[in-house]
């Protein structure tokens, strides 16, 4: 078997306003675009034995549909729900329903920001949360997911 045949499929899912990275509040989120972050994540994932598929939507319903779809093909999910982390029970329920490990990721340390960002409704349904390391948070989340999958017996 080739490496491609044994690679684990992973969804890298991004929520609202992340399509504006590189333009939006660069002092908080940095100057890297979402496409640049996704490319780095895809490369890092490949080094970890993962085939990363990246997708973004500003629509809560589309994110739920992507999570539902991922249960059919993905070994795991890295998910930046953006502001929906703090407001969406529907996304929390979708994460809980799909029976694949999900790692929540945020570019910023939400605990160093406004009080309304200090609670994630989605985090309790996730395997873990990585935040505060800028675009590196995505790479750390992929590493964490690789570890989780390895412990579940899904070799890299």
Protein backbone atom coordinates (compact mmCIF):
# COMPACT_ATOMS: atom_id res chain seq x y z
CA UNK A 1 0.00 0.00 0.00
CA UNK A 2 1.11 3.51 -0.69
CA UNK A 3 1.13 6.28 1.91
CA UNK A 4 -1.90 7.81 0.19
CA UNK A 5 -3.81 4.55 0.62
CA UNK A 6 -3.14 4.46 4.36
CA UNK A 7 -3.67 8.16 5.07
CA UNK A 8 -6.53 8.95 7.44
CA UNK A 9 -9.10 11.38 6.09
CA UNK A 10 -9.64 14.43 8.30
CA UNK A 11 -12.01 17.37 7.93
CA UNK A 12 -10.62 20.84 8.70
CA UNK A 13 -13.80 22.85 9.20
CA UNK A 14 -13.90 26.62 9.64
CA UNK A 15 -16.87 28.72 10.65
CA UNK A 16 -18.07 32.28 10.23
CA UNK A 17 -15.83 35.18 9.27
CA UNK A 18 -12.72 33.02 8.98
CA UNK A 19 -12.85 33.58 5.23
CA UNK A 20 -11.77 37.15 6.07
CA UNK A 21 -8.50 36.15 7.75
CA UNK A 22 -5.62 38.30 6.58
CA UNK A 23 -7.96 41.30 6.29
CA UNK A 24 -10.01 41.13 9.50
CA UNK A 25 -8.56 42.46 12.76
CA UNK A 26 -4.98 41.50 11.91
CA UNK A 27 -3.82 42.56 15.38
CA UNK A 28 -5.90 39.68 16.79
CA UNK A 29 -5.90 37.10 14.02
CA UNK A 30 -2.68 37.79 12.13
CA UNK A 31 -2.07 38.50 8.46
CA UNK A 32 -2.19 34.96 7.15
CA UNK A 33 -5.20 34.15 4.99
CA UNK A 34 -7.41 31.14 5.56
CA UNK A 35 -6.11 29.63 2.30
CA UNK A 36 -2.54 29.93 3.60
CA UNK A 37 -3.47 28.34 6.93
CA UNK A 38 -5.30 25.54 5.15
CA UNK A 39 -2.30 24.85 2.91
CA UNK A 40 0.02 24.62 5.92
CA UNK A 41 -2.47 22.37 7.70
CA UNK A 42 -2.75 20.11 4.64
CA UNK A 43 1.05 19.80 4.46
CA UNK A 44 1.37 19.18 8.20
CA UNK A 45 -1.45 16.67 8.09
CA UNK A 46 0.29 14.77 5.28
CA UNK A 47 3.42 14.53 7.42
CA UNK A 48 1.20 13.03 10.16
CA UNK A 49 -0.36 10.49 7.80
CA UNK A 50 -3.56 12.45 7.26
CA UNK A 51 -5.34 13.56 4.14
CA UNK A 52 -6.85 16.91 5.20
CA UNK A 53 -9.91 18.30 3.42
CA UNK A 54 -10.51 21.94 4.27
CA UNK A 55 -13.89 23.65 4.12
CA UNK A 56 -15.37 26.92 5.42
CA UNK A 57 -18.87 28.33 5.74
CA UNK A 58 -20.48 31.33 7.37
CA UNK A 59 -23.73 29.38 7.69
CA UNK A 60 -24.51 27.37 10.81
CA UNK A 61 -26.67 24.94 8.85
CA UNK A 62 -23.93 24.30 6.29
CA UNK A 63 -21.45 23.60 9.10
CA UNK A 64 -23.90 21.11 10.63
CA UNK A 65 -24.31 19.44 7.23
CA UNK A 66 -20.52 19.23 6.84
CA UNK A 67 -20.21 17.57 10.26
CA UNK A 68 -23.00 15.11 9.43
CA UNK A 69 -21.32 14.29 6.12
CA UNK A 70 -17.91 13.84 7.81
CA UNK A 71 -19.25 10.97 9.90
CA UNK A 72 -19.37 8.95 6.66
CA UNK A 73 -15.76 9.48 5.58
CA UNK A 74 -13.59 11.26 8.18
CA UNK A 75 -11.55 9.67 10.95
CA UNK A 76 -11.65 12.99 12.80
CA UNK A 77 -12.36 16.71 12.58
CA UNK A 78 -10.45 19.87 13.46
CA UNK A 79 -13.12 22.55 13.88
CA UNK A 80 -12.85 26.29 14.34
CA UNK A 81 -16.46 27.24 14.97
CA UNK A 82 -15.60 30.93 15.37
CA UNK A 83 -18.22 32.84 17.32
CA UNK A 84 -20.62 29.91 17.03
CA UNK A 85 -18.56 28.24 19.77
CA UNK A 86 -20.22 30.58 22.25
CA UNK A 87 -23.77 30.48 20.90
CA UNK A 88 -24.68 27.31 19.04
CA UNK A 89 -26.30 24.36 20.77
CA UNK A 90 -27.09 22.99 17.32
CA UNK A 91 -23.38 22.75 16.43
CA UNK A 92 -22.64 21.24 19.85
CA UNK A 93 -25.27 18.59 19.22
CA UNK A 94 -23.89 17.90 15.72
CA UNK A 95 -20.38 17.40 17.14
CA UNK A 96 -21.76 15.02 19.78
CA UNK A 97 -23.79 13.10 17.20
CA UNK A 98 -21.10 12.23 14.67
CA UNK A 99 -19.09 9.72 16.75
CA UNK A 100 -15.69 10.82 15.41
CA UNK A 101 -13.21 12.79 17.51
CA UNK A 102 -13.40 16.55 17.10
CA UNK A 103 -10.73 18.99 18.25
CA UNK A 104 -11.99 22.55 18.66
CA UNK A 105 -9.46 25.16 17.60
CA UNK A 106 -9.22 28.94 17.94
CA UNK A 107 -6.55 31.33 16.73
CA UNK A 108 -6.78 33.49 19.84
CA UNK A 109 -6.91 32.68 23.54
CA UNK A 110 -10.61 33.23 24.11
CA UNK A 111 -10.01 33.52 27.87
CA UNK A 112 -7.91 36.64 27.28
CA UNK A 113 -10.78 38.27 25.40
CA UNK A 114 -14.30 39.48 26.18
CA UNK A 115 -16.16 37.62 28.92
CA UNK A 116 -18.85 36.39 26.52
CA UNK A 117 -16.13 34.37 24.73
CA UNK A 118 -15.01 32.53 27.87
CA UNK A 119 -17.55 29.73 27.45
CA UNK A 120 -17.70 27.32 24.54
CA UNK A 121 -20.90 25.36 24.16
CA UNK A 122 -19.10 23.06 21.71
CA UNK A 123 -16.02 22.21 23.81
CA UNK A 124 -17.75 19.69 26.13
CA UNK A 125 -18.62 17.57 23.08
CA UNK A 126 -15.04 17.70 21.75
CA UNK A 127 -12.02 15.55 22.50
CA UNK A 128 -10.10 18.73 23.34
CA UNK A 129 -9.52 22.41 22.59
CA UNK A 130 -6.41 24.14 21.25
CA UNK A 131 -6.31 27.94 21.29
CA UNK A 132 -4.14 30.99 21.47
CA UNK A 133 -1.26 30.04 19.18
CA UNK A 134 -2.41 31.85 16.05
CA UNK A 135 -2.27 29.76 12.90
CA UNK A 136 -0.05 27.27 14.73
CA UNK A 137 -3.18 26.27 16.69
CA UNK A 138 -4.31 24.35 13.62
CA UNK A 139 -1.07 22.36 13.44
CA UNK A 140 -1.23 21.60 17.15
CA UNK A 141 -4.86 20.47 16.76
CA UNK A 142 -3.85 18.10 13.95
CA UNK A 143 -1.09 16.68 16.14
CA UNK A 144 -3.55 16.18 18.99
CA UNK A 145 -6.03 14.51 16.63
CA UNK A 146 -3.28 12.22 15.29
CA UNK A 147 -2.50 11.17 18.86
CA UNK A 148 -6.18 10.52 19.62
CA UNK A 149 -6.60 8.44 16.47
CA UNK A 150 -3.46 6.47 17.21
CA UNK A 151 -4.78 5.67 20.70
CA UNK A 152 -8.05 4.54 19.09
CA UNK A 153 -6.04 2.08 17.00
CA UNK A 154 -6.14 4.00 13.75
CA UNK A 155 -2.43 3.94 12.81
CA UNK A 156 -0.76 6.76 10.97
